[in-house]
Amino acid sequence: MNRLREKAQGRTKQAVGQMVGDDQLVLEGKEQERLAEKERSTSEEPASSGRDDHASPPKPGSSR
């Protein structure tokens, strides 16, 4: 199954588990979502940290 679908199923399990009061289902959903995120991070380039190291810092007084 692709990563996006795994993550969506994990979130769905969490939501349904919370609605019906099934803590085990919530935990399963969290684990499934965590594994999908882990799969994503391992499929990215190892040197990529996800941030732009070449960006200049914000100037003092500028609002973002």
PDB file of N, CA and C in Angstrom:
ATOM      1  N   MET A   1       0.844  -1.177   0.000  1.00  0.00           N
ATOM      2  CA  MET A   1       0.000   0.000   0.000  1.00  0.00           C
ATOM      3  C   MET A   1       0.891   1.243   0.000  1.00  0.00           C
ATOM      4  N   ASN A   2       0.459   2.301  -0.651  1.00  0.00           N
ATOM      5  CA  ASN A   2       1.323   3.468  -0.677  1.00  0.00           C
ATOM      6  C   ASN A   2       1.278   4.221   0.656  1.00  0.00           C
ATOM      7  N   ARG A   3       2.268   5.051   0.850  1.00  0.00           N
ATOM      8  CA  ARG A   3       2.468   5.742   2.119  1.00  0.00           C
ATOM      9  C   ARG A   3       1.287   6.638   2.474  1.00  0.00           C
ATOM     10  N   LEU A   4       0.764   7.354   1.509  1.00  0.00           N
ATOM     11  CA  LEU A   4      -0.350   8.264   1.773  1.00  0.00           C
ATOM     12  C   LEU A   4      -1.584   7.505   2.247  1.00  0.00           C
ATOM     13  N   ARG A   5      -1.854   6.375   1.613  1.00  0.00           N
ATOM     14  CA  ARG A   5      -3.008   5.565   2.001  1.00  0.00           C
ATOM     15  C   ARG A   5      -2.812   4.989   3.406  1.00  0.00           C
ATOM     16  N   GLU A   6      -1.598   4.517   3.701  1.00  0.00           N
ATOM     17  CA  GLU A   6      -1.298   3.980   5.033  1.00  0.00           C
ATOM     18  C   GLU A   6      -1.518   5.048   6.110  1.00  0.00           C
ATOM     19  N   LYS A   7      -1.037   6.243   5.828  1.00  0.00           N
ATOM     20  CA  LYS A   7      -1.184   7.340   6.789  1.00  0.00           C
ATOM     21  C   LYS A   7      -2.663   7.693   6.991  1.00  0.00           C
ATOM     22  N   ALA A   8      -3.415   7.744   5.900  1.00  0.00           N
ATOM     23  CA  ALA A   8      -4.841   8.057   5.996  1.00  0.00           C
ATOM     24  C   ALA A   8      -5.591   6.972   6.764  1.00  0.00           C
ATOM     25  N   GLN A   9      -5.238   5.719   6.532  1.00  0.00           N
ATOM     26  CA  GLN A   9      -5.891   4.641   7.268  1.00  0.00           C
ATOM     27  C   GLN A   9      -5.554   4.716   8.754  1.00  0.00           C
ATOM     28  N   GLY A  10      -4.313   5.065   9.053  1.00  0.00           N
ATOM     29  CA  GLY A  10      -3.922   5.210  10.450  1.00  0.00           C
ATOM     30  C   GLY A  10      -4.713   6.302  11.153  1.00  0.00           C
ATOM     31  N   ARG A  11      -4.867   7.426  10.485  1.00  0.00           N
ATOM     32  CA  ARG A  11      -5.645   8.526  11.074  1.00  0.00           C
ATOM     33  C   ARG A  11      -7.107   8.145  11.230  1.00  0.00           C
ATOM     34  N   THR A  12      -7.625   7.423  10.245  1.00  0.00           N
ATOM     35  CA  THR A  12      -9.024   6.981  10.313  1.00  0.00           C
ATOM     36  C   THR A  12      -9.236   6.033  11.483  1.00  0.00           C
ATOM     37  N   LYS A  13      -8.310   5.101  11.665  1.00  0.00           N
ATOM     38  CA  LYS A  13      -8.409   4.178  12.798  1.00  0.00           C
ATOM     39  C   LYS A  13      -8.406   4.946  14.123  1.00  0.00           C
ATOM     40  N   GLN A  14      -7.557   5.956  14.206  1.00  0.00           N
ATOM     41  CA  GLN A  14      -7.504   6.756  15.435  1.00  0.00           C
ATOM     42  C   GLN A  14      -8.829   7.461  15.695  1.00  0.00           C
ATOM     43  N   ALA A  15      -9.379   8.062  14.651  1.00  0.00           N
ATOM     44  CA  ALA A  15     -10.640   8.798  14.807  1.00  0.00           C
ATOM     45  C   ALA A  15     -11.786   7.865  15.195  1.00  0.00           C
ATOM     46  N   VAL A  16     -11.886   6.742  14.509  1.00  0.00           N
ATOM     47  CA  VAL A  16     -12.956   5.786  14.812  1.00  0.00           C
ATOM     48  C   VAL A  16     -12.763   5.225  16.215  1.00  0.00           C
ATOM     49  N   GLY A  17     -11.536   4.891  16.559  1.00  0.00           N
ATOM     50  CA  GLY A  17     -11.247   4.376  17.891  1.00  0.00           C
ATOM     51  C   GLY A  17     -11.643   5.350  18.984  1.00  0.00           C
ATOM     52  N   GLN A  18     -11.400   6.638  18.753  1.00  0.00           N
ATOM     53  CA  GLN A  18     -11.796   7.653  19.731  1.00  0.00           C
ATOM     54  C   GLN A  18     -13.310   7.769  19.833  1.00  0.00           C
ATOM     55  N   MET A  19     -13.988   7.675  18.684  1.00  0.00           N
ATOM     56  CA  MET A  19     -15.446   7.794  18.696  1.00  0.00           C
ATOM     57  C   MET A  19     -16.114   6.642  19.438  1.00  0.00           C
ATOM     58  N   VAL A  20     -15.588   5.425  19.249  1.00  0.00           N
ATOM     59  CA  VAL A  20     -16.228   4.270  19.868  1.00  0.00           C
ATOM     60  C   VAL A  20     -15.580   3.874  21.194  1.00  0.00           C
ATOM     61  N   GLY A  21     -14.527   4.585  21.578  1.00  0.00           N
ATOM     62  CA  GLY A  21     -13.873   4.301  22.851  1.00  0.00           C
ATOM     63  C   GLY A  21     -12.984   3.064  22.824  1.00  0.00           C
ATOM     64  N   ASP A  22     -12.424   2.741  21.661  1.00  0.00           N
ATOM     65  CA  ASP A  22     -11.559   1.567  21.518  1.00  0.00           C
ATOM     66  C   ASP A  22     -10.099   2.026  21.527  1.00  0.00           C
ATOM     67  N   ASP A  23      -9.473   1.959  22.703  1.00  0.00           N
ATOM     68  CA  ASP A  23      -8.100   2.422  22.844  1.00  0.00           C
ATOM     69  C   ASP A  23      -7.119   1.613  22.000  1.00  0.00           C
ATOM     70  N   GLN A  24      -7.386   0.332  21.834  1.00  0.00           N
ATOM     71  CA  GLN A  24      -6.509  -0.516  21.024  1.00  0.00           C
ATOM     72  C   GLN A  24      -6.510  -0.063  19.571  1.00  0.00           C
ATOM     73  N   LEU A  25      -7.670   0.311  19.060  1.00  0.00           N
ATOM     74  CA  LEU A  25      -7.769   0.787  17.680  1.00  0.00           C
ATOM     75  C   LEU A  25      -7.016   2.109  17.522  1.00  0.00           C
ATOM     76  N   VAL A  26      -7.104   2.973  18.522  1.00  0.00           N
ATOM     77  CA  VAL A  26      -6.369   4.241  18.493  1.00  0.00           C
ATOM     78  C   VAL A  26      -4.866   3.964  18.429  1.00  0.00           C
ATOM     79  N   LEU A  27      -4.401   3.038  19.244  1.00  0.00           N
ATOM     80  CA  LEU A  27      -2.971   2.704  19.248  1.00  0.00           C
ATOM     81  C   LEU A  27      -2.528   2.100  17.914  1.00  0.00           C
ATOM     82  N   GLU A  28      -3.366   1.239  17.338  1.00  0.00           N
ATOM     83  CA  GLU A  28      -3.054   0.662  16.033  1.00  0.00           C
ATOM     84  C   GLU A  28      -2.933   1.760  14.979  1.00  0.00           C
ATOM     85  N   GLY A  29      -3.845   2.712  15.025  1.00  0.00           N
ATOM     86  CA  GLY A  29      -3.817   3.817  14.070  1.00  0.00           C
ATOM     87  C   GLY A  29      -2.570   4.667  14.221  1.00  0.00           C
ATOM     88  N   LYS A  30      -2.183   4.943  15.457  1.00  0.00           N
ATOM     89  CA  LYS A  30      -0.970   5.726  15.693  1.00  0.00           C
ATOM     90  C   LYS A  30       0.260   4.995  15.169  1.00  0.00           C
ATOM     91  N   GLU A  31       0.310   3.698  15.410  1.00  0.00           N
ATOM     92  CA  GLU A  31       1.440   2.892  14.939  1.00  0.00           C
ATOM     93  C   GLU A  31       1.481   2.853  13.411  1.00  0.00           C
ATOM     94  N   GLN A  32       0.333   2.688  12.783  1.00  0.00           N
ATOM     95  CA  GLN A  32       0.276   2.640  11.326  1.00  0.00           C
ATOM     96  C   GLN A  32       0.715   3.984  10.737  1.00  0.00           C
ATOM     97  N   GLU A  33       0.271   5.072  11.330  1.00  0.00           N
ATOM     98  CA  GLU A  33       0.667   6.389  10.847  1.00  0.00           C
ATOM     99  C   GLU A  33       2.167   6.616  11.052  1.00  0.00           C
ATOM    100  N   ARG A  34       2.681   6.163  12.199  1.00  0.00           N
ATOM    101  CA  ARG A  34       4.108   6.321  12.486  1.00  0.00           C
ATOM    102  C   ARG A  34       4.948   5.542  11.474  1.00  0.00           C
ATOM    103  N   LEU A  35       4.523   4.331  11.151  1.00  0.00           N
ATOM    104  CA  LEU A  35       5.254   3.525  10.177  1.00  0.00           C
ATOM    105  C   LEU A  35       5.224   4.164   8.785  1.00  0.00           C
ATOM    106  N   ALA A  36       4.101   4.766   8.428  1.00  0.00           N
ATOM    107  CA  ALA A  36       4.009   5.447   7.130  1.00  0.00           C
ATOM    108  C   ALA A  36       4.959   6.637   7.092  1.00  0.00           C
ATOM    109  N   GLU A  37       5.062   7.370   8.187  1.00  0.00           N
ATOM    110  CA  GLU A  37       5.997   8.495   8.254  1.00  0.00           C
ATOM    111  C   GLU A  37       7.439   8.001   8.186  1.00  0.00           C
ATOM    112  N   LYS A  38       7.712   6.902   8.875  1.00  0.00           N
ATOM    113  CA  LYS A  38       9.054   6.337   8.868  1.00  0.00           C
ATOM    114  C   LYS A  38       9.413   5.898   7.457  1.00  0.00           C
ATOM    115  N   GLU A  39       8.468   5.305   6.758  1.00  0.00           N
ATOM    116  CA  GLU A  39       8.675   4.871   5.384  1.00  0.00           C
ATOM    117  C   GLU A  39       9.003   6.067   4.502  1.00  0.00           C
ATOM    118  N   ARG A  40       8.324   7.175   4.741  1.00  0.00           N
ATOM    119  CA  ARG A  40       8.580   8.385   3.963  1.00  0.00           C
ATOM    120  C   ARG A  40       9.986   8.904   4.214  1.00  0.00           C
ATOM    121  N   SER A  41      10.392   8.941   5.481  1.00  0.00           N
ATOM    122  CA  SER A  41      11.698   9.497   5.807  1.00  0.00           C
ATOM    123  C   SER A  41      12.828   8.618   5.289  1.00  0.00           C
ATOM    124  N   THR A  42      12.620   7.315   5.204  1.00  0.00           N
ATOM    125  CA  THR A  42      13.662   6.443   4.675  1.00  0.00           C
ATOM    126  C   THR A  42      13.715   6.479   3.161  1.00  0.00           C
ATOM    127  N   SER A  43      12.641   6.903   2.514  1.00  0.00           N
ATOM    128  CA  SER A  43      12.641   6.974   1.058  1.00  0.00           C
ATOM    129  C   SER A  43      13.226   8.288   0.545  1.00  0.00           C
ATOM    130  N   GLU A  44      13.382   9.278   1.424  1.00  0.00           N
ATOM    131  CA  GLU A  44      13.991  10.544   1.030  1.00  0.00           C
ATOM    132  C   GLU A  44      15.497  10.378   0.963  1.00  0.00           C
ATOM    133  N   GLU A  45      16.165  11.331   0.338  1.00  0.00           N
ATOM    134  CA  GLU A  45      17.615  11.284   0.271  1.00  0.00           C
ATOM    135  C   GLU A  45      18.189  11.412   1.669  1.00  0.00           C
ATOM    136  N   PRO A  46      19.198  10.612   1.997  1.00  0.00           N
ATOM    137  CA  PRO A  46      19.769  10.659   3.345  1.00  0.00           C
ATOM    138  C   PRO A  46      20.391  12.011   3.691  1.00  0.00           C
ATOM    139  N   ALA A  47      20.909  12.739   2.725  1.00  0.00           N
ATOM    140  CA  ALA A  47      21.550  14.019   3.015  1.00  0.00           C
ATOM    141  C   ALA A  47      20.540  15.138   3.226  1.00  0.00           C
ATOM    142  N   SER A  48      19.306  14.928   2.828  1.00  0.00           N
ATOM    143  CA  SER A  48      18.290  15.966   2.946  1.00  0.00           C
ATOM    144  C   SER A  48      17.717  16.009   4.350  1.00  0.00           C
ATOM    145  N   SER A  49      17.795  17.186   4.970  1.00  0.00           N
ATOM    146  CA  SER A  49      17.240  17.336   6.313  1.00  0.00           C
ATOM    147  C   SER A  49      15.857  17.960   6.266  1.00  0.00           C
ATOM    148  N   GLY A  50      15.395  18.318   5.051  1.00  0.00           N
ATOM    149  CA  GLY A  50      14.076  18.903   4.933  1.00  0.00           C
ATOM    150  C   GLY A  50      14.054  20.412   5.142  1.00  0.00           C
ATOM    151  N   ARG A  51      15.224  20.997   5.348  1.00  0.00           N
ATOM    152  CA  ARG A  51      15.259  22.450   5.521  1.00  0.00           C
ATOM    153  C   ARG A  51      16.268  23.041   4.564  1.00  0.00           C
ATOM    154  N   ASP A  52      16.137  24.286   4.295  1.00  0.00           N
ATOM    155  CA  ASP A  52      16.998  24.983   3.354  1.00  0.00           C
ATOM    156  C   ASP A  52      18.139  25.627   4.130  1.00  0.00           C
ATOM    157  N   ASP A  53      19.321  25.021   4.080  1.00  0.00           N
ATOM    158  CA  ASP A  53      20.469  25.545   4.815  1.00  0.00           C
ATOM    159  C   ASP A  53      21.033  26.804   4.180  1.00  0.00           C
ATOM    160  N   HIS A  54      20.599  27.094   2.958  1.00  0.00           N
ATOM    161  CA  HIS A  54      21.129  28.256   2.266  1.00  0.00           C
ATOM    162  C   HIS A  54      20.249  29.497   2.436  1.00  0.00           C
ATOM    163  N   ALA A  55      19.166  29.373   3.109  1.00  0.00           N
ATOM    164  CA  ALA A  55      18.267  30.515   3.310  1.00  0.00           C
ATOM    165  C   ALA A  55      18.865  31.452   4.341  1.00  0.00           C
ATOM    166  N   SER A  56      18.729  32.735   4.081  1.00  0.00           N
ATOM    167  CA  SER A  56      19.250  33.699   5.052  1.00  0.00           C
ATOM    168  C   SER A  56      18.273  33.857   6.199  1.00  0.00           C
ATOM    169  N   PRO A  57      18.768  34.130   7.399  1.00  0.00           N
ATOM    170  CA  PRO A  57      17.880  34.281   8.541  1.00  0.00           C
ATOM    171  C   PRO A  57      17.006  35.515   8.398  1.00  0.00           C
ATOM    172  N   PRO A  58      15.857  35.557   9.053  1.00  0.00           N
ATOM    173  CA  PRO A  58      14.983  36.726   8.951  1.00  0.00           C
ATOM    174  C   PRO A  58      15.682  37.952   9.533  1.00  0.00           C
ATOM    175  N   LYS A  59      15.405  39.085   8.920  1.00  0.00           N
ATOM    176  CA  LYS A  59      16.008  40.328   9.389  1.00  0.00           C
ATOM    177  C   LYS A  59      15.272  40.816  10.636  1.00  0.00           C
ATOM    178  N   PRO A  60      16.021  41.401  11.576  1.00  0.00           N
ATOM    179  CA  PRO A  60      15.362  41.917  12.800  1.00  0.00           C
ATOM    180  C   PRO A  60      14.305  42.956  12.428  1.00  0.00           C
ATOM    181  N   GLY A  61      13.172  42.848  13.066  1.00  0.00           N
ATOM    182  CA  GLY A  61      12.090  43.796  12.836  1.00  0.00           C
ATOM    183  C   GLY A  61      11.153  43.401  11.717  1.00  0.00           C
ATOM    184  N   SER A  62      11.509  42.393  10.946  1.00  0.00           N
ATOM    185  CA  SER A  62      10.602  41.961   9.876  1.00  0.00           C
ATOM    186  C   SER A  62       9.602  40.977  10.458  1.00  0.00           C
ATOM    187  N   SER A  63       8.365  41.100  10.020  1.00  0.00           N
ATOM    188  CA  SER A  63       7.337  40.185  10.531  1.00  0.00           C
ATOM    189  C   SER A  63       7.016  39.152   9.487  1.00  0.00           C
ATOM    190  N   ARG A  64       6.855  37.914   9.909  1.00  0.00           N
ATOM    191  CA  ARG A  64       6.501  36.824   9.002  1.00  0.00           C
ATOM    192  C   ARG A  64       5.234  36.206   9.441  1.00  0.00           C
TER     193      ARG A  64
END
